[in-house]
Amino acid sequence: MAISYESIGQVCITCTNSGVAENAPCKINFSNSISSCLDGNAIHGVVVAARGNLATVAVSGFVTMPYSGTAPTLGFCPIAGAGSGKVKKLDGAREYLVVNVDTAKKTVTFYL
């Protein structure tokens, strides 16, 4: 049996999309519109599907994202956008509940 957090508690919204790829963190930049999280930006959601100029964005629930830099820590950990579709541990950023860190794959699973 495998452990999975995929889609648990997930709440999604649909927004216009300015080129954010699937599985990338995003931020709300205008009413009903998202853009990519740049280095140090707050994470407002994660794109779970993108088609044309629309995106389905998870704004709540567990997500697994690639990270860069120092590995996030388990428990509540400050996480922000790192650019290039990744997240990073960043002191002073919003704290998220981290339940899994895979240092071999450089991924982190946390609750939005």
N, C-alpha and C. Protein backbone atom coordinates (compact mmCIF):
# COMPACT_ATOMS: atom_id res chain seq x y z
N MET A 1 0.84 -1.16 0.00
CA MET A 1 0.00 0.00 0.00
C MET A 1 0.90 1.24 0.00
N ALA A 2 0.51 2.25 -0.76
CA ALA A 2 1.28 3.49 -0.85
C ALA A 2 0.58 4.59 -0.05
N ILE A 3 1.37 5.50 0.47
CA ILE A 3 0.83 6.67 1.17
C ILE A 3 0.64 7.77 0.14
N SER A 4 -0.55 8.40 0.16
CA SER A 4 -0.83 9.45 -0.80
C SER A 4 -1.66 10.55 -0.15
N TYR A 5 -1.34 11.78 -0.47
CA TYR A 5 -2.10 12.94 -0.01
C TYR A 5 -2.83 13.60 -1.18
N GLU A 6 -2.74 13.02 -2.36
CA GLU A 6 -3.27 13.62 -3.57
C GLU A 6 -4.75 13.98 -3.44
N SER A 7 -5.06 15.24 -3.64
CA SER A 7 -6.41 15.80 -3.67
C SER A 7 -7.15 15.80 -2.34
N ILE A 8 -6.52 15.43 -1.23
CA ILE A 8 -7.21 15.45 0.05
C ILE A 8 -7.52 16.89 0.44
N GLY A 9 -8.80 17.16 0.69
CA GLY A 9 -9.22 18.49 1.12
C GLY A 9 -9.10 19.56 0.05
N GLN A 10 -8.94 19.15 -1.19
CA GLN A 10 -8.67 20.13 -2.24
C GLN A 10 -9.91 20.95 -2.60
N VAL A 11 -9.74 22.25 -2.63
CA VAL A 11 -10.75 23.20 -3.08
C VAL A 11 -10.12 23.96 -4.24
N CYS A 12 -10.83 24.02 -5.37
CA CYS A 12 -10.27 24.65 -6.58
C CYS A 12 -11.15 25.78 -7.08
N ILE A 13 -10.53 26.73 -7.75
CA ILE A 13 -11.22 27.81 -8.43
C ILE A 13 -10.73 27.83 -9.88
N THR A 14 -11.49 28.47 -10.75
CA THR A 14 -11.08 28.64 -12.14
C THR A 14 -10.75 30.10 -12.37
N CYS A 15 -9.59 30.35 -12.99
CA CYS A 15 -9.11 31.71 -13.23
C CYS A 15 -8.60 31.84 -14.66
N THR A 16 -8.46 33.07 -15.12
CA THR A 16 -7.73 33.27 -16.37
C THR A 16 -6.25 33.10 -16.04
N ASN A 17 -5.51 32.62 -17.01
CA ASN A 17 -4.13 32.22 -16.78
C ASN A 17 -3.21 32.95 -17.75
N SER A 18 -2.15 33.53 -17.22
CA SER A 18 -1.16 34.22 -18.07
C SER A 18 0.08 33.36 -18.24
N GLY A 19 -0.12 32.07 -18.52
CA GLY A 19 1.01 31.21 -18.85
C GLY A 19 1.59 30.38 -17.73
N VAL A 20 0.89 30.23 -16.61
CA VAL A 20 1.41 29.41 -15.52
C VAL A 20 1.20 27.94 -15.89
N ALA A 21 2.25 27.15 -15.76
CA ALA A 21 2.19 25.73 -16.11
C ALA A 21 1.47 24.92 -15.04
N GLU A 22 0.99 23.75 -15.44
CA GLU A 22 0.38 22.84 -14.47
C GLU A 22 1.41 22.45 -13.42
N ASN A 23 0.92 22.23 -12.20
CA ASN A 23 1.74 21.84 -11.05
C ASN A 23 2.71 22.93 -10.59
N ALA A 24 2.43 24.16 -10.94
CA ALA A 24 3.29 25.28 -10.52
C ALA A 24 2.53 26.16 -9.53
N PRO A 25 3.25 26.75 -8.57
CA PRO A 25 2.60 27.68 -7.65
C PRO A 25 2.23 28.96 -8.40
N CYS A 26 1.17 29.61 -7.92
CA CYS A 26 0.74 30.84 -8.59
C CYS A 26 0.26 31.85 -7.55
N LYS A 27 0.02 33.05 -8.04
CA LYS A 27 -0.52 34.12 -7.20
C LYS A 27 -1.66 34.78 -7.96
N ILE A 28 -2.61 35.33 -7.22
CA ILE A 28 -3.69 36.10 -7.82
C ILE A 28 -3.11 37.47 -8.12
N ASN A 29 -3.18 37.89 -9.40
CA ASN A 29 -2.60 39.18 -9.73
C ASN A 29 -3.64 40.24 -10.09
N PHE A 30 -4.80 39.83 -10.58
CA PHE A 30 -5.94 40.70 -10.85
C PHE A 30 -7.18 39.90 -10.49
N SER A 31 -8.34 40.53 -10.50
CA SER A 31 -9.57 39.79 -10.24
C SER A 31 -9.68 38.61 -11.19
N ASN A 32 -9.84 37.44 -10.64
CA ASN A 32 -10.04 36.20 -11.41
C ASN A 32 -8.88 35.85 -12.32
N SER A 33 -7.67 36.31 -12.03
CA SER A 33 -6.52 36.07 -12.91
C SER A 33 -5.30 35.69 -12.08
N ILE A 34 -4.51 34.74 -12.61
CA ILE A 34 -3.30 34.31 -11.92
C ILE A 34 -2.05 34.58 -12.75
N SER A 35 -0.92 34.61 -12.05
CA SER A 35 0.38 34.69 -12.70
C SER A 35 1.35 33.83 -11.91
N SER A 36 2.54 33.63 -12.45
CA SER A 36 3.56 32.80 -11.81
C SER A 36 4.06 33.44 -10.52
N CYS A 37 4.41 32.58 -9.57
CA CYS A 37 5.08 33.05 -8.35
C CYS A 37 6.55 33.28 -8.68
N LEU A 38 7.00 34.48 -8.48
CA LEU A 38 8.42 34.78 -8.64
C LEU A 38 9.14 34.47 -7.34
N ASP A 39 10.43 34.56 -7.34
CA ASP A 39 11.23 34.27 -6.16
C ASP A 39 10.79 35.13 -4.98
N GLY A 40 10.36 34.49 -3.91
CA GLY A 40 9.95 35.19 -2.71
C GLY A 40 8.48 35.56 -2.64
N ASN A 41 7.71 35.36 -3.71
CA ASN A 41 6.28 35.69 -3.71
C ASN A 41 5.50 34.74 -2.81
N ALA A 42 4.43 35.27 -2.22
CA ALA A 42 3.49 34.44 -1.46
C ALA A 42 2.79 33.50 -2.44
N ILE A 43 2.49 32.31 -1.96
CA ILE A 43 1.78 31.31 -2.77
C ILE A 43 0.29 31.43 -2.48
N HIS A 44 -0.51 31.69 -3.51
CA HIS A 44 -1.96 31.76 -3.34
C HIS A 44 -2.63 30.47 -3.75
N GLY A 45 -1.96 29.66 -4.56
CA GLY A 45 -2.52 28.40 -5.02
C GLY A 45 -1.55 27.65 -5.91
N VAL A 46 -1.99 26.50 -6.39
CA VAL A 46 -1.20 25.67 -7.29
C VAL A 46 -2.08 25.29 -8.48
N VAL A 47 -1.56 25.46 -9.69
CA VAL A 47 -2.32 25.13 -10.89
C VAL A 47 -2.39 23.61 -11.03
N VAL A 48 -3.62 23.08 -11.02
CA VAL A 48 -3.79 21.63 -11.18
C VAL A 48 -4.16 21.26 -12.61
N ALA A 49 -4.65 22.22 -13.38
CA ALA A 49 -4.95 21.99 -14.79
C ALA A 49 -4.93 23.33 -15.52
N ALA A 50 -4.40 23.31 -16.74
CA ALA A 50 -4.37 24.53 -17.56
C ALA A 50 -4.79 24.17 -18.97
N ARG A 51 -5.70 24.98 -19.51
CA ARG A 51 -6.16 24.75 -20.87
C ARG A 51 -6.46 26.11 -21.49
N GLY A 52 -5.74 26.43 -22.56
CA GLY A 52 -5.90 27.74 -23.18
C GLY A 52 -5.54 28.82 -22.19
N ASN A 53 -6.43 29.81 -22.05
CA ASN A 53 -6.13 30.90 -21.11
C ASN A 53 -6.85 30.73 -19.77
N LEU A 54 -7.26 29.47 -19.46
CA LEU A 54 -7.92 29.20 -18.19
C LEU A 54 -7.10 28.20 -17.37
N ALA A 55 -7.25 28.29 -16.06
CA ALA A 55 -6.55 27.37 -15.17
C ALA A 55 -7.46 26.99 -14.00
N THR A 56 -7.36 25.74 -13.59
CA THR A 56 -7.98 25.28 -12.36
C THR A 56 -6.90 25.38 -11.29
N VAL A 57 -7.19 26.11 -10.23
CA VAL A 57 -6.19 26.40 -9.20
C VAL A 57 -6.65 25.85 -7.85
N ALA A 58 -5.83 24.99 -7.25
CA ALA A 58 -6.09 24.52 -5.89
C ALA A 58 -5.72 25.64 -4.94
N VAL A 59 -6.68 26.06 -4.12
CA VAL A 59 -6.43 27.12 -3.14
C VAL A 59 -6.46 26.57 -1.72
N SER A 60 -6.77 25.28 -1.60
CA SER A 60 -6.78 24.60 -0.32
C SER A 60 -6.56 23.12 -0.58
N GLY A 61 -5.96 22.44 0.38
CA GLY A 61 -5.73 21.01 0.25
C GLY A 61 -4.25 20.69 0.16
N PHE A 62 -3.94 19.40 0.15
CA PHE A 62 -2.55 18.95 0.06
C PHE A 62 -2.03 19.04 -1.36
N VAL A 63 -0.80 19.50 -1.51
CA VAL A 63 -0.13 19.56 -2.81
C VAL A 63 1.32 19.09 -2.62
N THR A 64 1.88 18.55 -3.68
CA THR A 64 3.29 18.17 -3.68
C THR A 64 3.99 18.99 -4.74
N MET A 65 5.03 19.70 -4.33
CA MET A 65 5.73 20.63 -5.21
C MET A 65 7.23 20.36 -5.18
N PRO A 66 7.93 20.66 -6.28
CA PRO A 66 9.40 20.63 -6.21
C PRO A 66 9.88 21.84 -5.42
N TYR A 67 10.98 21.66 -4.70
CA TYR A 67 11.54 22.79 -3.95
C TYR A 67 12.99 23.02 -4.38
N SER A 68 13.47 24.21 -4.09
CA SER A 68 14.88 24.53 -4.34
C SER A 68 15.48 25.03 -3.03
N GLY A 69 16.80 25.00 -2.96
CA GLY A 69 17.49 25.49 -1.76
C GLY A 69 17.40 24.50 -0.62
N THR A 70 17.36 25.04 0.59
CA THR A 70 17.31 24.24 1.81
C THR A 70 16.00 23.47 1.88
N ALA A 71 16.05 22.21 2.28
CA ALA A 71 14.84 21.40 2.40
C ALA A 71 13.91 21.99 3.46
N PRO A 72 12.62 22.10 3.13
CA PRO A 72 11.65 22.52 4.15
C PRO A 72 11.65 21.52 5.30
N THR A 73 11.17 21.94 6.45
CA THR A 73 11.12 21.08 7.62
C THR A 73 9.69 20.60 7.85
N LEU A 74 9.57 19.44 8.49
CA LEU A 74 8.25 18.90 8.81
C LEU A 74 7.58 19.76 9.86
N GLY A 75 6.25 19.73 9.86
CA GLY A 75 5.47 20.58 10.76
C GLY A 75 5.20 21.90 10.06
N PHE A 76 4.98 22.95 10.81
CA PHE A 76 4.73 24.25 10.19
C PHE A 76 6.04 24.88 9.75
N CYS A 77 6.12 25.22 8.48
CA CYS A 77 7.36 25.72 7.88
C CYS A 77 7.03 26.88 6.95
N PRO A 78 7.82 27.97 6.98
CA PRO A 78 7.57 29.10 6.08
C PRO A 78 8.00 28.76 4.65
N ILE A 79 7.06 28.86 3.71
CA ILE A 79 7.31 28.49 2.31
C ILE A 79 6.83 29.62 1.41
N ALA A 80 7.60 29.90 0.37
CA ALA A 80 7.25 30.92 -0.63
C ALA A 80 7.61 30.40 -2.01
N GLY A 81 7.19 31.13 -3.04
CA GLY A 81 7.58 30.79 -4.39
C GLY A 81 9.08 30.94 -4.56
N ALA A 82 9.64 30.12 -5.46
CA ALA A 82 11.08 30.20 -5.73
C ALA A 82 11.36 30.51 -7.19
N GLY A 83 10.30 30.74 -7.98
CA GLY A 83 10.46 30.91 -9.42
C GLY A 83 10.62 29.55 -10.09
N SER A 84 10.49 29.49 -11.39
CA SER A 84 10.65 28.27 -12.18
C SER A 84 9.74 27.14 -11.73
N GLY A 85 8.54 27.46 -11.21
CA GLY A 85 7.58 26.44 -10.82
C GLY A 85 7.91 25.71 -9.53
N LYS A 86 8.82 26.28 -8.73
CA LYS A 86 9.22 25.63 -7.48
C LYS A 86 8.85 26.50 -6.29
N VAL A 87 9.01 25.90 -5.10
CA VAL A 87 8.83 26.62 -3.84
C VAL A 87 10.14 26.54 -3.07
N LYS A 88 10.22 27.32 -1.99
CA LYS A 88 11.42 27.25 -1.16
C LYS A 88 11.07 27.63 0.27
N LYS A 89 11.91 27.17 1.19
CA LYS A 89 11.80 27.58 2.59
C LYS A 89 12.31 29.01 2.68
N LEU A 90 11.51 29.90 3.27
CA LEU A 90 11.88 31.31 3.35
C LEU A 90 11.41 31.89 4.67
N ASP A 91 12.35 32.21 5.55
CA ASP A 91 11.99 32.80 6.83
C ASP A 91 11.14 34.04 6.61
N GLY A 92 10.07 34.15 7.39
CA GLY A 92 9.17 35.30 7.29
C GLY A 92 8.00 35.07 6.35
N ALA A 93 8.04 34.00 5.55
CA ALA A 93 6.94 33.69 4.64
C ALA A 93 5.81 33.04 5.42
N ARG A 94 4.66 32.90 4.79
CA ARG A 94 3.53 32.21 5.40
C ARG A 94 3.93 30.78 5.73
N GLU A 95 3.46 30.29 6.87
CA GLU A 95 3.77 28.92 7.26
C GLU A 95 2.68 27.97 6.78
N TYR A 96 3.11 26.82 6.27
CA TYR A 96 2.22 25.76 5.82
C TYR A 96 2.55 24.50 6.58
N LEU A 97 1.57 23.61 6.73
CA LEU A 97 1.79 22.33 7.39
C LEU A 97 2.46 21.38 6.41
N VAL A 98 3.73 21.06 6.65
CA VAL A 98 4.51 20.16 5.80
C VAL A 98 4.42 18.75 6.38
N VAL A 99 4.00 17.80 5.54
CA VAL A 99 3.83 16.42 6.01
C VAL A 99 4.83 15.46 5.39
N ASN A 100 5.52 15.88 4.34
CA ASN A 100 6.49 15.00 3.69
C ASN A 100 7.54 15.84 2.97
N VAL A 101 8.81 15.47 3.15
CA VAL A 101 9.91 16.08 2.41
C VAL A 101 10.73 14.94 1.81
N ASP A 102 10.85 14.92 0.50
CA ASP A 102 11.65 13.89 -0.18
C ASP A 102 12.91 14.58 -0.71
N THR A 103 14.01 14.41 0.02
CA THR A 103 15.25 15.10 -0.37
C THR A 103 15.88 14.48 -1.62
N ALA A 104 15.57 13.23 -1.93
CA ALA A 104 16.11 12.61 -3.15
C ALA A 104 15.43 13.21 -4.39
N LYS A 105 14.11 13.35 -4.32
CA LYS A 105 13.34 13.92 -5.45
C LYS A 105 13.24 15.44 -5.36
N LYS A 106 13.64 16.01 -4.21
CA LYS A 106 13.52 17.45 -3.93
C LYS A 106 12.08 17.92 -4.07
N THR A 107 11.16 17.18 -3.38
CA THR A 107 9.75 17.58 -3.35
C THR A 107 9.30 17.74 -1.91
N VAL A 108 8.26 18.56 -1.74
CA VAL A 108 7.66 18.80 -0.44
C VAL A 108 6.15 18.70 -0.58
N THR A 109 5.50 18.02 0.37
CA THR A 109 4.05 17.93 0.40
C THR A 109 3.57 18.75 1.58
N PHE A 110 2.64 19.70 1.30
CA PHE A 110 2.14 20.58 2.34
C PHE A 110 0.69 20.91 2.09
N TYR A 111 0.04 21.44 3.13
CA TYR A 111 -1.37 21.81 3.06
C TYR A 111 -1.49 23.30 2.80
N LEU A 112 -2.13 23.64 1.68
CA LEU A 112 -2.35 25.05 1.34
C LEU A 112 -3.30 25.70 2.34
